[in-house]
Amino acid sequence: MKKWYIAVGVIILLIIALGYYAISPLFRNIKVDDALPPTNIGQESESSPTATVTGTAGHPASGTVRIIEAEGASYLRYENFKTINGPDIYVYLAKDLDAKEFINIGKVKATEGNINYEIPEGVNLDEYHYVLTWCKTFGVLFNSADLTGIETE
């Protein structure tokens, strides 16, 4: 009988720990205000075309995304971005909204603000039509932006 109480206690502790892991990030917002990457001579990065960030059911989001070429590097830039937090969230460049083929740009740095992510060298941006904020743990799309028609600046 005593072993049964211990087993139930361990199961309850595991459920609490997993619940905390999944829910606690929802209450933490991080704000970042990255400066615009320095642009190549003669280019005005503030006027580059943008794509609108769209949230999904249960994951509201707003802001814009653009691609900036600066000093030999490419950057994905979120502007006036706002989303909810969650566990294990990453930014992907993807060929579809299901994240079947994607490039991991990095872990989400912030849930609000103007945020730069360097795009790995050699990535052909014409092949990737979406920016996704994706929860790896649960395989859930938080938000996306359609890059179709956006040219790099």
C-alpha atoms as a PDB file:
ATOM      1  CA  MET A   1       0.000   0.000   0.000  1.00  0.00           C
ATOM      2  CA  LYS A   2       2.857   2.381   0.846  1.00  0.00           C
ATOM      3  CA  LYS A   3       4.477   1.767  -2.574  1.00  0.00           C
ATOM      4  CA  TRP A   4       1.213   2.747  -4.231  1.00  0.00           C
ATOM      5  CA  TYR A   5       1.253   6.145  -2.448  1.00  0.00           C
ATOM      6  CA  ILE A   6       4.845   6.727  -3.521  1.00  0.00           C
ATOM      7  CA  ALA A   7       4.043   5.854  -7.152  1.00  0.00           C
ATOM      8  CA  VAL A   8       1.033   8.194  -7.178  1.00  0.00           C
ATOM      9  CA  GLY A   9       3.149  10.936  -5.572  1.00  0.00           C
ATOM     10  CA  VAL A  10       5.859  10.579  -8.224  1.00  0.00           C
ATOM     11  CA  ILE A  11       3.274  10.691 -11.026  1.00  0.00           C
ATOM     12  CA  ILE A  12       1.685  13.830  -9.558  1.00  0.00           C
ATOM     13  CA  LEU A  13       5.101  15.521  -9.296  1.00  0.00           C
ATOM     14  CA  LEU A  14       5.865  14.644 -12.934  1.00  0.00           C
ATOM     15  CA  ILE A  15       2.532  16.071 -14.085  1.00  0.00           C
ATOM     16  CA  ILE A  16       3.181  19.294 -12.141  1.00  0.00           C
ATOM     17  CA  ALA A  17       6.709  19.585 -13.577  1.00  0.00           C
ATOM     18  CA  LEU A  18       5.526  19.033 -17.161  1.00  0.00           C
ATOM     19  CA  GLY A  19       2.657  21.471 -16.682  1.00  0.00           C
ATOM     20  CA  TYR A  20       5.040  24.109 -15.365  1.00  0.00           C
ATOM     21  CA  TYR A  21       7.409  23.534 -18.309  1.00  0.00           C
ATOM     22  CA  ALA A  22       4.589  23.946 -20.826  1.00  0.00           C
ATOM     23  CA  ILE A  23       2.708  26.833 -19.217  1.00  0.00           C
ATOM     24  CA  SER A  24       5.282  29.009 -17.424  1.00  0.00           C
ATOM     25  CA  PRO A  25       6.730  30.602 -20.595  1.00  0.00           C
ATOM     26  CA  LEU A  26       3.285  32.011 -21.376  1.00  0.00           C
ATOM     27  CA  PHE A  27       3.727  34.426 -18.494  1.00  0.00           C
ATOM     28  CA  ARG A  28       7.193  35.655 -19.507  1.00  0.00           C
ATOM     29  CA  ASN A  29       7.467  38.358 -22.142  1.00  0.00           C
ATOM     30  CA  ILE A  30      10.864  39.497 -23.338  1.00  0.00           C
ATOM     31  CA  LYS A  31      11.286  42.765 -25.234  1.00  0.00           C
ATOM     32  CA  VAL A  32      14.212  43.482 -27.570  1.00  0.00           C
ATOM     33  CA  ASP A  33      14.963  46.500 -29.738  1.00  0.00           C
ATOM     34  CA  ASP A  34      17.778  45.510 -32.103  1.00  0.00           C
ATOM     35  CA  ALA A  35      19.212  48.281 -34.268  1.00  0.00           C
ATOM     36  CA  LEU A  36      18.895  47.967 -38.033  1.00  0.00           C
ATOM     37  CA  PRO A  37      21.867  46.083 -39.460  1.00  0.00           C
ATOM     38  CA  PRO A  38      24.320  48.426 -41.203  1.00  0.00           C
ATOM     39  CA  THR A  39      23.394  48.456 -44.894  1.00  0.00           C
ATOM     40  CA  ASN A  40      25.557  48.493 -47.975  1.00  0.00           C
ATOM     41  CA  ILE A  41      26.434  51.898 -49.371  1.00  0.00           C
ATOM     42  CA  GLY A  42      23.577  53.442 -51.338  1.00  0.00           C
ATOM     43  CA  GLN A  43      20.850  51.224 -49.915  1.00  0.00           C
ATOM     44  CA  GLU A  44      18.059  52.452 -47.682  1.00  0.00           C
ATOM     45  CA  SER A  45      17.083  49.502 -45.503  1.00  0.00           C
ATOM     46  CA  GLU A  46      14.191  51.328 -43.854  1.00  0.00           C
ATOM     47  CA  SER A  47      12.188  51.188 -47.105  1.00  0.00           C
ATOM     48  CA  SER A  48      12.522  47.478 -47.900  1.00  0.00           C
ATOM     49  CA  PRO A  49       9.285  45.532 -48.537  1.00  0.00           C
ATOM     50  CA  THR A  50       7.666  43.758 -45.604  1.00  0.00           C
ATOM     51  CA  ALA A  51       5.433  40.754 -44.941  1.00  0.00           C
ATOM     52  CA  THR A  52       2.757  40.742 -42.241  1.00  0.00           C
ATOM     53  CA  VAL A  53       3.045  38.353 -39.308  1.00  0.00           C
ATOM     54  CA  THR A  54      -0.135  36.302 -38.808  1.00  0.00           C
ATOM     55  CA  GLY A  55      -0.912  34.393 -35.633  1.00  0.00           C
ATOM     56  CA  THR A  56      -2.741  31.088 -35.393  1.00  0.00           C
ATOM     57  CA  ALA A  57      -5.695  30.030 -33.250  1.00  0.00           C
ATOM     58  CA  GLY A  58      -4.631  30.455 -29.645  1.00  0.00           C
ATOM     59  CA  HIS A  59      -1.356  32.140 -30.602  1.00  0.00           C
ATOM     60  CA  PRO A  60      -2.018  35.805 -31.437  1.00  0.00           C
ATOM     61  CA  ALA A  61       0.761  37.710 -33.175  1.00  0.00           C
ATOM     62  CA  SER A  62       1.358  40.985 -34.974  1.00  0.00           C
ATOM     63  CA  GLY A  63       4.153  42.878 -36.697  1.00  0.00           C
ATOM     64  CA  THR A  64       6.074  42.658 -39.939  1.00  0.00           C
ATOM     65  CA  VAL A  65       9.079  40.774 -41.306  1.00  0.00           C
ATOM     66  CA  ARG A  66      11.622  41.810 -43.895  1.00  0.00           C
ATOM     67  CA  ILE A  67      14.886  40.557 -45.322  1.00  0.00           C
ATOM     68  CA  ILE A  68      17.877  42.901 -45.211  1.00  0.00           C
ATOM     69  CA  GLU A  69      21.217  42.478 -46.980  1.00  0.00           C
ATOM     70  CA  ALA A  70      23.920  44.189 -44.940  1.00  0.00           C
ATOM     71  CA  GLU A  71      27.705  44.083 -45.220  1.00  0.00           C
ATOM     72  CA  GLY A  72      27.760  40.708 -46.977  1.00  0.00           C
ATOM     73  CA  ALA A  73      25.221  39.050 -44.678  1.00  0.00           C
ATOM     74  CA  SER A  74      21.460  38.522 -44.851  1.00  0.00           C
ATOM     75  CA  TYR A  75      19.164  39.231 -41.928  1.00  0.00           C
ATOM     76  CA  LEU A  76      15.585  38.373 -41.126  1.00  0.00           C
ATOM     77  CA  ARG A  77      14.127  41.301 -39.197  1.00  0.00           C
ATOM     78  CA  TYR A  78      10.908  41.336 -37.193  1.00  0.00           C
ATOM     79  CA  GLU A  79       9.540  44.840 -36.623  1.00  0.00           C
ATOM     80  CA  ASN A  80       6.907  45.877 -34.097  1.00  0.00           C
ATOM     81  CA  PHE A  81       6.637  42.162 -33.416  1.00  0.00           C
ATOM     82  CA  LYS A  82       4.435  40.805 -30.653  1.00  0.00           C
ATOM     83  CA  THR A  83       3.538  37.207 -29.847  1.00  0.00           C
ATOM     84  CA  ILE A  84       2.959  34.993 -26.853  1.00  0.00           C
ATOM     85  CA  ASN A  85       5.770  32.932 -25.397  1.00  0.00           C
ATOM     86  CA  GLY A  86       5.931  29.187 -25.118  1.00  0.00           C
ATOM     87  CA  PRO A  87       8.375  26.342 -24.552  1.00  0.00           C
ATOM     88  CA  ASP A  88      11.140  25.565 -27.035  1.00  0.00           C
ATOM     89  CA  ILE A  89      10.189  28.143 -29.707  1.00  0.00           C
ATOM     90  CA  TYR A  90      12.328  28.692 -32.807  1.00  0.00           C
ATOM     91  CA  VAL A  91      12.339  30.836 -35.941  1.00  0.00           C
ATOM     92  CA  TYR A  92      12.362  28.863 -39.199  1.00  0.00           C
ATOM     93  CA  LEU A  93      12.631  29.768 -42.860  1.00  0.00           C
ATOM     94  CA  ALA A  94      10.305  27.179 -44.378  1.00  0.00           C
ATOM     95  CA  LYS A  95       9.012  25.978 -47.716  1.00  0.00           C
ATOM     96  CA  ASP A  96       5.540  25.349 -46.254  1.00  0.00           C
ATOM     97  CA  LEU A  97       3.457  26.130 -43.169  1.00  0.00           C
ATOM     98  CA  ASP A  98       3.866  22.581 -41.818  1.00  0.00           C
ATOM     99  CA  ALA A  99       7.640  22.948 -41.288  1.00  0.00           C
ATOM    100  CA  LYS A 100       8.381  19.847 -43.340  1.00  0.00           C
ATOM    101  CA  GLU A 101      11.344  21.518 -45.065  1.00  0.00           C
ATOM    102  CA  PHE A 102      12.950  24.357 -43.152  1.00  0.00           C
ATOM    103  CA  ILE A 103      16.118  26.039 -41.985  1.00  0.00           C
ATOM    104  CA  ASN A 104      16.388  26.755 -38.279  1.00  0.00           C
ATOM    105  CA  ILE A 105      17.384  30.420 -37.898  1.00  0.00           C
ATOM    106  CA  GLY A 106      17.592  30.234 -34.117  1.00  0.00           C
ATOM    107  CA  LYS A 107      15.758  30.188 -30.827  1.00  0.00           C
ATOM    108  CA  VAL A 108      13.240  33.016 -30.369  1.00  0.00           C
ATOM    109  CA  LYS A 109      15.119  35.931 -28.767  1.00  0.00           C
ATOM    110  CA  ALA A 110      12.081  37.921 -27.666  1.00  0.00           C
ATOM    111  CA  THR A 111       8.294  38.053 -27.733  1.00  0.00           C
ATOM    112  CA  GLU A 112       8.128  41.793 -28.456  1.00  0.00           C
ATOM    113  CA  GLY A 113      10.104  44.377 -30.363  1.00  0.00           C
ATOM    114  CA  ASN A 114      12.434  44.739 -33.321  1.00  0.00           C
ATOM    115  CA  ILE A 115      14.525  41.598 -33.643  1.00  0.00           C
ATOM    116  CA  ASN A 116      17.301  40.605 -36.068  1.00  0.00           C
ATOM    117  CA  TYR A 117      18.253  37.031 -36.964  1.00  0.00           C
ATOM    118  CA  GLU A 118      21.237  36.367 -39.213  1.00  0.00           C
ATOM    119  CA  ILE A 119      20.375  34.024 -42.066  1.00  0.00           C
ATOM    120  CA  PRO A 120      23.023  31.328 -42.571  1.00  0.00           C
ATOM    121  CA  GLU A 121      25.340  31.901 -45.513  1.00  0.00           C
ATOM    122  CA  GLY A 122      24.392  30.067 -48.697  1.00  0.00           C
ATOM    123  CA  VAL A 123      20.635  29.943 -48.067  1.00  0.00           C
ATOM    124  CA  ASN A 124      18.685  30.502 -51.289  1.00  0.00           C
ATOM    125  CA  LEU A 125      15.841  32.722 -50.086  1.00  0.00           C
ATOM    126  CA  ASP A 126      13.878  32.071 -53.289  1.00  0.00           C
ATOM    127  CA  GLU A 127      13.284  28.505 -52.023  1.00  0.00           C
ATOM    128  CA  TYR A 128      11.796  29.501 -48.663  1.00  0.00           C
ATOM    129  CA  HIS A 129       8.434  31.244 -48.804  1.00  0.00           C
ATOM    130  CA  TYR A 130       7.580  31.467 -45.096  1.00  0.00           C
ATOM    131  CA  VAL A 131       8.990  32.609 -41.795  1.00  0.00           C
ATOM    132  CA  LEU A 132       7.589  30.476 -38.984  1.00  0.00           C
ATOM    133  CA  THR A 133       7.690  30.768 -35.221  1.00  0.00           C
ATOM    134  CA  TRP A 134       7.519  27.100 -34.274  1.00  0.00           C
ATOM    135  CA  CYS A 135       7.315  25.166 -30.998  1.00  0.00           C
ATOM    136  CA  LYS A 136       9.626  22.166 -31.391  1.00  0.00           C
ATOM    137  CA  THR A 137       8.380  20.388 -28.279  1.00  0.00           C
ATOM    138  CA  PHE A 138       4.759  20.198 -29.392  1.00  0.00           C
ATOM    139  CA  GLY A 139       5.200  20.614 -33.174  1.00  0.00           C
ATOM    140  CA  VAL A 140       2.940  23.674 -33.185  1.00  0.00           C
ATOM    141  CA  LEU A 141       2.969  26.745 -35.430  1.00  0.00           C
ATOM    142  CA  PHE A 142       2.703  29.949 -33.379  1.00  0.00           C
ATOM    143  CA  ASN A 143       2.780  32.448 -36.253  1.00  0.00           C
ATOM    144  CA  SER A 144       3.970  32.942 -39.805  1.00  0.00           C
ATOM    145  CA  ALA A 145       4.745  35.499 -42.483  1.00  0.00           C
ATOM    146  CA  ASP A 146       4.477  34.871 -46.225  1.00  0.00           C
ATOM    147  CA  LEU A 147       7.678  36.052 -47.932  1.00  0.00           C
ATOM    148  CA  THR A 148       6.365  35.515 -51.460  1.00  0.00           C
ATOM    149  CA  GLY A 149       7.116  38.610 -53.490  1.00  0.00           C
ATOM    150  CA  ILE A 150       9.580  40.117 -51.025  1.00  0.00           C
ATOM    151  CA  GLU A 151      12.961  40.800 -52.522  1.00  0.00           C
ATOM    152  CA  THR A 152      16.075  41.274 -50.438  1.00  0.00           C
ATOM    153  CA  GLU A 153      17.275  44.798 -49.943  1.00  0.00           C
END
